[in-house]
Protein backbone atom coordinates (compact mmCIF):
# COMPACT_ATOMS: atom_id res chain seq x y z
CA MET A 1 30.70 -13.91 0.36
CA ARG A 2 31.28 -10.26 -0.43
CA PRO A 3 29.08 -8.40 -2.93
CA THR A 4 30.30 -8.44 -6.49
CA THR A 5 29.59 -4.74 -6.95
CA GLY A 6 32.81 -3.83 -5.11
CA SER A 7 31.41 -0.58 -3.67
CA ARG A 8 30.37 0.19 -0.13
CA PHE A 9 27.54 2.46 -1.29
CA HIS A 10 25.07 0.66 -3.51
CA TYR A 11 22.65 2.39 -5.88
CA ALA A 12 19.89 0.31 -4.24
CA TRP A 13 19.97 2.70 -1.28
CA LEU A 14 18.99 5.57 -3.58
CA ILE A 15 16.11 3.42 -4.82
CA LEU A 16 15.01 2.88 -1.21
CA ILE A 17 15.20 6.58 -0.35
CA GLY A 18 13.26 7.41 -3.50
CA CYS A 19 10.56 4.87 -2.61
CA CYS A 20 10.27 6.45 0.86
CA CYS A 21 9.75 9.88 -0.70
CA MET A 22 7.30 8.46 -3.23
CA GLN A 23 5.21 6.88 -0.46
CA ALA A 24 5.26 10.05 1.64
CA GLY A 25 4.50 12.45 -1.20
CA GLY A 26 2.09 10.08 -2.93
CA LEU A 27 -0.09 7.89 -0.74
CA GLY A 28 0.71 9.81 2.46
CA ALA A 29 -0.09 13.24 1.02
CA VAL A 30 -2.98 12.41 -1.31
CA LEU A 31 -4.94 9.99 0.88
CA ASP A 32 -3.69 10.01 4.48
CA ALA A 33 -3.36 13.80 4.82
CA ALA A 34 -6.31 14.74 2.61
CA GLY A 35 -8.82 14.79 5.46
CA VAL A 36 -7.55 18.11 6.83
CA PHE A 37 -9.18 19.88 3.86
CA PHE A 38 -12.65 18.42 4.43
CA VAL A 39 -13.85 20.76 7.21
CA PRO A 40 -12.69 24.09 5.71
CA VAL A 41 -14.01 23.15 2.26
CA CYS A 42 -17.38 22.01 3.61
CA GLU A 43 -17.76 25.06 5.84
CA ASP A 44 -16.93 27.42 2.97
CA LEU A 45 -18.99 25.79 0.22
CA GLY A 46 -21.78 24.20 2.27
CA PHE A 47 -21.05 20.57 1.37
CA SER A 48 -21.57 17.61 3.64
CA ARG A 49 -18.47 15.59 4.48
CA SER A 50 -19.97 12.54 2.82
CA GLU A 51 -20.33 14.47 -0.44
CA ILE A 52 -16.70 15.53 -0.65
CA SER A 53 -15.24 12.32 0.79
CA LEU A 54 -17.08 10.34 -1.87
CA TYR A 55 -14.07 11.02 -4.10
CA LEU A 56 -12.28 8.27 -2.14
CA THR A 57 -14.92 5.80 -3.30
CA PHE A 58 -14.32 6.87 -6.89
CA TYR A 59 -10.61 6.41 -6.24
CA PHE A 60 -11.14 2.76 -5.25
CA ILE A 61 -13.41 2.11 -8.21
CA ALA A 62 -10.91 3.65 -10.65
CA THR A 63 -8.11 1.44 -9.32
CA VAL A 64 -10.06 -1.63 -10.45
CA PHE A 65 -9.78 -0.47 -14.06
CA ALA A 66 -6.19 0.77 -13.75
CA MET A 67 -4.48 -2.19 -12.08
CA PRO A 68 -4.42 -4.57 -15.08
CA PHE A 69 -2.49 -1.91 -17.02
CA VAL A 70 -0.08 -1.06 -14.20
CA GLY A 71 1.66 -4.42 -14.06
CA ASN A 72 2.04 -4.59 -17.85
CA TRP A 73 3.16 -1.02 -18.43
CA ILE A 74 5.75 -0.78 -15.62
CA THR A 75 7.78 -3.59 -17.18
CA ARG A 76 7.05 -2.57 -20.78
CA PHE A 77 7.70 1.19 -20.85
CA ASN A 78 10.46 3.43 -19.54
CA ILE A 79 9.79 3.64 -15.82
CA ASN A 80 11.05 7.23 -15.51
CA ARG A 81 8.64 8.57 -18.11
CA LEU A 82 5.72 6.40 -16.99
CA LEU A 83 5.89 7.23 -13.27
CA SER A 84 6.63 10.90 -13.89
CA VAL A 85 3.67 11.41 -16.22
CA ALA A 86 1.40 9.51 -13.84
CA PHE A 87 2.45 11.58 -10.85
CA LEU A 88 2.19 14.85 -12.79
CA LEU A 89 -1.46 13.97 -13.42
CA VAL A 90 -1.92 13.37 -9.68
CA VAL A 91 -0.27 16.72 -8.85
CA VAL A 92 -2.47 18.54 -11.36
CA ALA A 93 -5.58 16.85 -9.90
CA VAL A 94 -4.61 18.04 -6.40
CA ALA A 95 -3.85 21.59 -7.51
CA ALA A 96 -7.14 21.71 -9.45
CA MET A 97 -9.04 21.17 -6.21
CA GLY A 98 -8.11 24.73 -5.29
CA PHE A 99 -10.40 25.93 -8.09
CA TYR A 100 -13.39 23.62 -7.51
CA SER A 101 -16.84 24.68 -6.35
CA GLU A 102 -19.00 21.55 -6.84
CA PRO A 103 -18.70 18.07 -5.23
CA TRP A 104 -18.61 16.27 -8.58
CA GLN A 105 -15.34 18.04 -9.39
CA TRP A 106 -13.67 16.40 -6.39
CA TRP A 107 -15.05 13.09 -7.61
CA MET A 108 -13.29 13.64 -10.93
CA SER A 109 -10.01 14.19 -9.10
CA GLY A 110 -10.70 10.95 -7.23
CA ILE A 111 -10.94 9.13 -10.56
CA VAL A 112 -7.58 10.62 -11.61
CA PHE A 113 -6.07 9.48 -8.29
CA GLY A 114 -7.31 5.96 -8.99
CA LEU A 115 -6.18 5.80 -12.62
CA ALA A 116 -2.86 7.67 -12.46
CA GLY A 117 -2.14 7.14 -8.76
CA SER A 118 -2.25 3.37 -9.21
CA PHE A 119 1.11 3.73 -10.98
CA ILE A 120 2.55 5.48 -7.90
CA PHE A 121 0.84 4.68 -4.61
CA VAL A 122 1.28 0.93 -4.07
CA ILE A 123 2.69 -1.06 -7.00
CA PRO A 124 6.10 0.51 -7.89
CA ALA A 125 7.77 0.39 -4.46
CA PRO A 126 7.43 -3.40 -3.96
CA ILE A 127 8.59 -4.00 -7.54
CA LEU A 128 11.62 -1.73 -7.22
CA ILE A 129 12.59 -3.02 -3.77
CA GLY A 130 12.17 -6.63 -4.93
CA ASN A 131 14.36 -6.06 -7.98
CA TRP A 132 17.10 -4.04 -6.27
CA PHE A 133 17.49 -6.00 -3.00
CA HIS A 134 18.64 -9.61 -3.24
CA THR A 135 18.61 -9.82 0.57
CA HIS A 136 16.66 -7.93 3.27
CA LYS A 137 13.63 -7.51 1.01
CA GLY A 138 11.26 -7.60 3.98
CA ILE A 139 12.83 -4.92 6.16
CA THR A 140 13.58 -2.55 3.27
CA LEU A 141 10.02 -2.86 1.96
CA GLY A 142 8.73 -2.28 5.49
CA VAL A 143 10.81 0.89 5.76
CA ALA A 144 9.65 2.19 2.37
CA MET A 145 5.96 1.51 2.95
CA SER A 146 6.03 2.98 6.46
CA PHE A 147 6.64 6.39 4.92
CA SER A 148 3.05 6.61 3.73
CA GLY A 149 2.07 6.80 7.41
CA ILE A 150 5.01 9.05 8.27
CA GLY A 151 4.18 11.31 5.34
CA GLY A 152 0.55 11.52 6.43
CA ALA A 153 1.54 12.31 10.02
CA VAL A 154 4.03 15.03 9.00
CA LEU A 155 2.11 16.59 6.12
CA SER A 156 -1.27 16.76 7.92
CA PRO A 157 -0.15 19.55 10.30
CA VAL A 158 1.82 21.21 7.47
CA PHE A 159 -1.28 21.34 5.27
CA THR A 160 -3.34 22.55 8.25
CA LEU A 161 -0.93 25.45 8.80
CA LEU A 162 -1.09 26.29 5.09
CA ILE A 163 -4.90 26.34 5.22
CA GLN A 164 -4.84 28.66 8.25
CA ALA A 165 -2.26 30.97 6.68
CA LEU A 166 -3.37 31.04 3.04
CA GLY A 167 -6.88 29.59 2.84
CA TRP A 168 -7.84 26.14 1.57
CA ARG A 169 -7.75 27.05 -2.12
CA GLU A 170 -4.18 28.31 -2.08
CA ALA A 171 -3.20 25.49 0.31
CA TYR A 172 -4.24 22.88 -2.28
CA ILE A 173 -1.88 24.48 -4.82
CA VAL A 174 1.04 24.68 -2.40
CA ALA A 175 0.38 21.09 -1.30
CA ALA A 176 0.60 19.99 -4.94
CA VAL A 177 3.97 21.74 -5.29
CA ILE A 178 5.28 20.06 -2.12
CA MET A 179 4.21 16.67 -3.46
CA GLY A 180 5.93 17.32 -6.77
CA VAL A 181 9.19 18.32 -5.06
CA LEU A 182 9.11 15.16 -2.93
CA VAL A 183 8.46 12.70 -5.74
CA LEU A 184 9.33 13.95 -9.22
CA PRO A 185 13.15 14.19 -8.85
CA TRP A 186 13.22 10.46 -8.06
CA THR A 187 10.82 9.36 -10.78
CA LEU A 188 12.52 11.54 -13.40
CA PHE A 189 16.20 10.90 -12.69
CA VAL A 190 16.87 8.14 -10.13
CA PHE A 191 14.54 5.17 -10.52
CA LYS A 192 15.66 2.28 -12.71
CA LEU A 193 13.52 -0.83 -13.02
CA ARG A 194 16.36 -3.34 -12.57
CA PRO A 195 20.03 -3.17 -11.53
CA GLU A 196 20.97 -4.75 -14.88
CA ASP A 197 19.64 -1.63 -16.60
CA ILE A 198 22.72 0.26 -15.38
CA GLY A 199 25.15 -2.66 -15.22
CA LEU A 200 24.74 -3.56 -11.53
CA LYS A 201 23.63 -6.53 -9.45
CA PRO A 202 21.06 -6.33 -6.65
CA TYR A 203 22.20 -5.36 -3.18
CA GLY A 204 23.39 -8.46 -1.33
CA TRP A 205 24.44 -10.26 -4.51
CA THR A 206 27.45 -12.43 -3.67
CA GLU A 207 30.23 -14.26 -5.46
CA ASP A 208 28.37 -17.53 -4.82
CA ASP A 209 25.39 -16.09 -6.67
CA ALA A 210 27.72 -14.99 -9.46
CA ARG A 211 29.18 -18.50 -9.77
CA ALA A 212 25.68 -19.98 -9.92
CA ASP A 213 24.79 -17.40 -12.54
CA ALA A 214 27.84 -18.35 -14.60
CA ALA A 215 27.09 -22.07 -14.30
CA PHE A 216 23.38 -21.99 -15.05
CA GLY A 217 22.90 -18.70 -16.85
CA THR A 218 20.84 -15.73 -15.79
CA ALA A 219 18.05 -18.21 -15.10
CA ALA A 220 19.70 -18.91 -11.75
CA GLN A 221 18.45 -15.57 -10.50
CA ASP A 222 15.23 -15.68 -8.50
CA GLU A 223 14.08 -12.47 -10.14
CA TYR A 224 13.52 -14.26 -13.46
CA ARG A 225 12.16 -17.59 -12.25
CA GLY A 226 8.48 -18.23 -11.73
CA VAL A 227 5.01 -18.66 -13.18
CA SER A 228 3.75 -16.61 -16.11
CA ALA A 229 0.81 -14.31 -15.45
CA ARG A 230 -1.26 -16.19 -18.01
CA ARG A 231 -0.78 -19.48 -16.16
CA ALA A 232 -1.06 -17.92 -12.71
CA LEU A 233 -4.58 -16.67 -13.46
CA LYS A 234 -5.71 -20.30 -13.82
CA THR A 235 -4.43 -21.44 -10.42
CA VAL A 236 -6.08 -21.72 -7.01
CA PRO A 237 -3.24 -19.78 -5.25
CA PHE A 238 -3.82 -16.76 -7.48
CA TRP A 239 -7.52 -16.56 -6.69
CA CYS A 240 -6.75 -17.10 -3.02
CA MET A 241 -4.38 -14.11 -3.18
CA PHE A 242 -6.97 -12.11 -5.11
CA LEU A 243 -9.45 -12.74 -2.30
CA PHE A 244 -6.82 -12.15 0.38
CA ALA A 245 -5.96 -8.73 -1.10
CA GLY A 246 -9.60 -7.71 -0.97
CA LEU A 247 -10.20 -9.09 2.53
CA VAL A 248 -7.25 -7.35 4.19
CA SER A 249 -8.11 -4.06 2.46
CA TYR A 250 -11.61 -4.38 3.98
CA PHE A 251 -10.07 -3.66 7.39
CA ALA A 252 -9.22 -0.12 6.28
CA GLY A 253 -12.96 0.58 6.22
CA PHE A 254 -12.99 0.56 10.02
CA ASN A 255 -10.53 3.47 10.27
CA SER A 256 -12.92 6.23 9.24
CA HIS A 257 -15.51 4.96 11.75
CA LEU A 258 -13.23 4.76 14.80
CA PRO A 259 -14.00 8.35 15.93
CA GLY A 260 -17.71 7.55 15.73
CA PHE A 261 -17.16 4.27 17.57
CA ALA A 262 -15.41 6.06 20.45
CA GLN A 263 -18.27 8.51 20.79
CA SER A 264 -20.84 5.70 20.60
CA VAL A 265 -19.37 4.15 23.75
CA GLY A 266 -19.23 7.44 25.67
CA PHE A 267 -15.87 9.00 24.84
CA SER A 268 -15.25 12.49 23.46
CA ALA A 269 -14.59 13.41 19.85
CA MET A 270 -10.97 14.15 20.83
CA VAL A 271 -10.53 10.56 22.03
CA GLY A 272 -12.07 9.36 18.79
CA SER A 273 -9.64 11.31 16.64
CA SER A 274 -6.71 10.17 18.79
CA LEU A 275 -7.66 6.55 18.07
CA LEU A 276 -6.71 7.20 14.45
CA THR A 277 -3.35 8.50 15.63
CA ALA A 278 -2.88 5.29 17.62
CA VAL A 279 -3.71 3.23 14.52
CA MET A 280 -1.16 5.25 12.52
CA ILE A 281 1.50 4.68 15.19
CA GLY A 282 0.79 0.96 15.07
CA ASN A 283 0.86 1.12 11.28
CA VAL A 284 4.36 2.65 11.15
CA VAL A 285 5.95 0.63 13.99
CA GLU A 286 4.49 -2.69 12.87
CA LYS A 287 5.73 -2.22 9.30
CA TYR A 288 9.30 -2.18 10.60
CA ILE A 289 8.68 -5.22 12.79
CA VAL A 290 6.84 -7.08 10.04
CA GLY A 291 9.62 -6.36 7.54
CA PHE A 292 12.17 -7.80 9.98
CA LEU A 293 10.03 -10.88 10.74
CA ASN A 294 9.46 -11.58 7.05
CA ASP A 295 13.22 -11.87 6.59
CA LYS A 296 13.76 -13.94 9.73
CA ILE A 297 10.84 -16.37 10.06
CA GLY A 298 9.20 -16.33 6.63
CA VAL A 299 6.24 -14.62 5.03
CA GLU A 300 3.46 -17.09 5.86
CA PHE A 301 4.22 -17.22 9.57
CA THR A 302 4.52 -13.43 9.70
CA VAL A 303 1.12 -13.01 8.02
CA ASN A 304 -0.42 -15.28 10.66
CA ILE A 305 1.04 -13.07 13.39
CA GLN A 306 -0.34 -9.95 11.69
CA LEU A 307 -3.82 -11.46 11.37
CA ALA A 308 -3.67 -12.42 15.05
CA LEU A 309 -2.78 -8.83 15.99
CA VAL A 310 -5.68 -7.47 13.92
CA ALA A 311 -8.05 -9.97 15.55
CA LEU A 312 -6.81 -9.00 19.03
CA GLY A 313 -7.39 -5.35 18.14
CA LEU A 314 -10.98 -6.08 17.08
CA LEU A 315 -11.60 -8.13 20.23
CA GLY A 316 -10.23 -5.23 22.27
CA PHE A 317 -12.70 -2.85 20.62
CA ILE A 318 -15.54 -5.24 21.46
CA PHE A 319 -14.65 -5.70 25.14
CA ALA A 320 -12.91 -2.40 25.99
CA GLY A 321 -16.04 -0.76 27.40
CA ASP A 322 -14.90 2.37 29.27
CA ASN A 323 -11.29 1.14 29.56
CA LEU A 324 -9.43 3.87 27.65
CA VAL A 325 -6.04 2.16 27.91
CA LEU A 326 -7.37 -1.04 26.36
CA LEU A 327 -9.01 1.04 23.64
CA TYR A 328 -5.68 2.65 22.67
CA VAL A 329 -3.78 -0.64 22.85
CA SER A 330 -6.40 -2.22 20.60
CA ALA A 331 -6.01 0.62 18.10
CA VAL A 332 -2.23 0.15 17.97
CA LEU A 333 -2.66 -3.61 17.44
CA PHE A 334 -5.27 -2.98 14.74
CA GLY A 335 -2.70 -0.86 12.90
CA ALA A 336 -1.16 -4.13 11.68
CA GLN A 337 -3.90 -4.31 9.04
CA ASN A 338 -2.09 -1.74 6.91
CA SER A 339 1.16 -3.72 6.76
CA LEU A 340 -0.76 -6.78 5.58
CA TYR A 341 -1.51 -5.35 2.15
CA SER A 342 1.42 -2.96 1.83
CA VAL A 343 4.31 -5.18 3.02
CA SER A 344 3.34 -8.84 3.39
CA MET A 345 1.04 -9.02 0.37
CA PRO A 346 3.82 -8.15 -2.15
CA LEU A 347 6.19 -10.60 -0.44
CA LEU A 348 3.57 -13.35 -0.55
CA ILE A 349 3.06 -12.84 -4.28
CA ARG A 350 6.79 -12.95 -5.00
CA GLN A 351 7.31 -16.08 -2.90
CA LEU A 352 4.35 -17.95 -4.36
CA PHE A 353 4.68 -16.97 -8.02
CA GLY A 354 8.33 -15.98 -8.39
CA GLY A 355 9.76 -12.93 -10.10
CA ARG A 356 9.08 -13.75 -13.74
CA ASP A 357 5.75 -11.90 -14.05
CA TYR A 358 5.67 -10.53 -10.52
CA ALA A 359 4.58 -7.02 -11.53
CA LYS A 360 1.63 -8.26 -13.58
CA ILE A 361 0.45 -10.83 -11.03
CA PHE A 362 0.76 -8.36 -8.14
CA ALA A 363 -1.25 -5.76 -10.06
CA TYR A 364 -3.98 -8.28 -10.92
CA THR A 365 -4.39 -9.27 -7.26
CA ARG A 366 -4.73 -5.60 -6.35
CA VAL A 367 -7.96 -5.51 -8.36
CA GLY A 368 -9.42 -7.44 -5.43
CA THR A 369 -8.47 -4.52 -3.21
CA GLY A 370 -10.58 -2.13 -5.25
CA ILE A 371 -13.58 -4.46 -5.51
CA ILE A 372 -13.79 -5.54 -1.86
CA GLY A 373 -11.96 -2.68 -0.15
CA CYS A 374 -14.47 -0.07 -1.28
CA LEU A 375 -17.19 -1.99 0.59
CA GLY A 376 -15.51 -1.56 3.98
CA PRO A 377 -16.63 1.97 4.98
CA VAL A 378 -20.14 1.44 3.60
CA THR A 379 -20.86 -1.90 5.28
CA VAL A 380 -19.37 -0.90 8.66
CA GLY A 381 -21.60 2.17 8.65
CA ALA A 382 -24.59 0.08 7.57
CA PHE A 383 -24.13 -2.32 10.50
CA PHE A 384 -24.16 0.62 12.92
CA ASP A 385 -27.20 2.19 11.28
CA ALA A 386 -29.09 -1.11 11.53
CA THR A 387 -28.11 -2.07 15.09
CA GLY A 388 -26.95 1.12 16.83
CA SER A 389 -23.64 -0.59 17.67
CA PHE A 390 -20.31 -1.25 16.02
CA VAL A 391 -19.95 -4.66 17.69
CA PRO A 392 -21.60 -6.59 14.80
CA ALA A 393 -19.16 -4.93 12.36
CA PHE A 394 -16.20 -5.90 14.57
CA CYS A 395 -17.49 -9.49 14.65
CA VAL A 396 -17.61 -9.48 10.85
CA GLY A 397 -14.03 -8.20 10.95
CA LEU A 398 -13.04 -11.24 13.02
CA GLY A 399 -14.62 -13.45 10.36
CA VAL A 400 -12.66 -11.60 7.66
CA ALA A 401 -9.43 -12.24 9.60
CA ALA A 402 -10.27 -15.97 9.85
CA LEU A 403 -11.09 -16.21 6.15
CA SER A 404 -7.85 -14.38 5.31
CA PHE A 405 -5.91 -17.02 7.25
CA VAL A 406 -7.66 -19.76 5.26
CA THR A 407 -6.80 -18.17 1.89
CA VAL A 408 -3.10 -17.95 2.78
CA ARG A 409 -2.95 -21.50 4.11
CA LEU A 410 -4.73 -22.85 1.02
CA SER A 411 -2.32 -20.94 -1.25
CA TYR A 412 0.66 -22.70 0.33
CA LEU A 413 -1.06 -26.09 0.32
CA MET A 414 -1.65 -25.70 -3.42
CA ARG A 415 1.85 -24.40 -4.06
CA LYS A 416 2.88 -27.63 -5.82
CA GLN A 417 0.52 -26.66 -8.63
CA LEU A 418 2.66 -23.56 -9.17
CA GLU A 419 5.97 -25.42 -8.92
CA ALA A 420 4.84 -27.80 -11.64
CA GLU A 421 4.18 -24.86 -13.95
CA GLU A 422 7.25 -22.80 -13.03
CA GLU A 423 9.27 -21.40 -15.92
CA THR A 424 12.33 -19.23 -16.31
CA VAL A 425 12.93 -16.38 -18.72
CA LEU A 426 15.79 -14.02 -19.45
CA PRO A 427 15.34 -10.41 -18.32
CA VAL A 428 14.01 -7.90 -20.79
CA GLN A 429 15.71 -4.51 -20.82
CA SER A 430 12.66 -2.25 -20.67
CA ASN A 431 14.37 0.87 -19.39
CA ALA A 432 16.96 1.43 -22.07
């Protein structure tokens, strides 16, 4: 069963490389590496860290309003123009930070990150990978999404060196240029929404698939079979996935408190900051493993494994005490929380609802991320303020993991409701 494209090099690999660069220069640079600016900005302008970091809260809130448009517009408008304009707005918002002097100005950039960045940070990569790879969707998506962590790890020291050499204001401008160089060539010239837009088939498409396509029409392709967004919104599986998206994003709220947690149990600030590095290592490594497992054993079973790893990480935090090794191991295990919403969540949506309105349905579920995810940092901090310990927050995290398992299981139990409403449509050429 050889591919019908007849070429050893497939355009899909360019799509994958572009998605890697987009994750590194987008999510990795804007959110993961942004923390290196906090201290020099606050020391220079006299802000508190909570004042400047509040722009991340505005980012989450803005995503709630942006997501319903993302899924519709990506399939409706030319993807090159749409993603390029969106990322140009993000680049301008980053560069503008070099001219700010008041906290509210950073908050405005946070709103831009939420509105325009929603078209770049999370949604496009799963859609492009899903459209361009007929096989190996899991591992290729895992590779692409891992570059947000890799980008954050690489660009953090780069931005730090720029701040030391040029000052934080100039460093913001140079950082914006670096981001533009990483992302814009791909969004402007390389990305195509579907292989059919340039006369190709997805990577892994075989002659058997071609014969099925000839016998039954384009409807034989998985990419165009599934439930409409309008019908999906009325089903139990959709609302389970909406809740699941919010629950797994809640885990990210623990990350910013891990340095404080380490110090609360007697470790140094250096140990606390290194816990975040351990979480990032777990994040990157587990995305590769999770992508492989999704292809080999299925999405639902893989999600259960991820939730178990997160739960083990939380239990480790609770019982580690002064055991530094257990603390680091727990942080690595806890890193699986990131791959839940960046790798497994998109695959769950595609498997449950099909490819017909995948972009819209995926974007709608991400609204749950903005609504519930923004509560994570606040509530974890509130538990510590009320009790003087992070253990109650970790126990809540265990409950979130259990509830996440229930939402996934219920989605699959109610899957027959979706199968009864499944429809097929011909592809629409939106990128001509």
